[in-house]
Protein backbone atom coordinates (compact mmCIF):
# COMPACT_ATOMS: atom_id res chain seq x y z
CA MET A 1 11.38 6.62 11.96
CA ARG A 2 11.02 10.04 11.16
CA LEU A 3 8.42 11.56 8.94
CA GLU A 4 11.67 12.97 6.78
CA GLN A 5 12.55 9.29 6.23
CA VAL A 6 9.34 7.87 5.84
CA THR A 7 8.84 10.61 3.30
CA ALA A 8 12.22 9.58 1.54
CA GLU A 9 11.53 5.90 1.48
CA ALA A 10 7.45 6.28 -0.01
CA LEU A 11 9.11 8.43 -2.94
CA LYS A 12 11.36 5.10 -4.22
CA TYR A 13 7.78 3.74 -4.69
CA THR A 14 6.89 6.55 -7.10
CA ASN A 15 10.41 6.72 -8.58
CA GLY A 16 10.79 10.24 -7.01
CA ASP A 17 7.41 11.71 -8.42
CA ARG A 18 6.00 13.81 -5.27
CA TYR A 19 2.82 14.63 -7.06
CA LEU A 20 1.75 10.71 -7.28
CA LEU A 21 3.03 10.45 -3.89
CA SER A 22 0.93 13.53 -2.47
CA VAL A 23 -1.98 12.23 -4.85
CA SER A 24 -1.79 8.36 -3.64
CA VAL A 25 -1.58 9.80 0.09
CA ALA A 26 -4.60 11.69 -0.32
CA LYS A 27 -6.72 8.92 -2.07
CA ARG A 28 -5.06 6.80 0.83
CA VAL A 29 -6.21 9.42 3.66
CA SER A 30 -9.75 9.56 2.54
CA GLN A 31 -10.09 5.83 2.66
CA LEU A 32 -8.55 5.71 6.11
CA GLN A 33 -11.36 8.59 7.24
CA ASN A 34 -14.19 6.39 5.75
CA GLY A 35 -13.26 3.48 7.63
CA ALA A 36 -10.57 1.38 6.03
CA THR A 37 -8.19 -0.21 8.16
CA PRO A 38 -4.90 0.63 8.60
CA LEU A 39 -2.21 -1.74 7.19
CA VAL A 40 0.28 -1.05 9.36
CA SER A 41 0.87 -0.85 12.96
CA THR A 42 -0.44 2.50 14.39
CA ALA A 43 -0.24 4.41 17.60
CA LYS A 44 -3.21 6.51 19.36
CA ASN A 45 -2.51 9.78 18.01
CA ASP A 46 -1.21 8.92 14.47
CA LYS A 47 -2.59 11.09 11.88
CA PRO A 48 -4.36 9.52 8.68
CA VAL A 49 -1.65 11.48 6.68
CA ASP A 50 1.21 9.52 8.49
CA ILE A 51 -0.68 6.43 8.45
CA ALA A 52 -0.78 6.56 4.63
CA LEU A 53 2.72 7.34 4.02
CA ARG A 54 4.07 4.69 6.42
CA GLU A 55 2.06 2.22 4.38
CA ILE A 56 3.33 3.69 0.86
CA ALA A 57 6.65 3.58 2.53
CA ALA A 58 5.98 0.12 3.76
CA GLY A 59 5.10 -1.13 0.12
CA THR A 60 1.53 -2.06 1.26
CA ILE A 61 0.14 -0.05 -0.87
CA GLU A 62 0.62 -0.30 -4.43
CA VAL A 63 1.27 3.33 -6.30
CA LYS A 64 0.16 3.54 -10.15
CA ALA A 65 0.48 6.47 -12.35
CA GLN A 66 -2.64 6.79 -14.02
């Protein structure tokens, strides 16, 4: 799936709120960089941002407005 499609799918979980999506991705990227296990299948060359977006798009990460 192309990154644009993944982003569009992830936006469904944030009710179209791009700011909430970007904050959620940033938090998850931080967790991944600190050793958290990815919740979706990954390729060797996947970047943490791509992994975080795919996790949100798959619905494995709950996104909440604060």
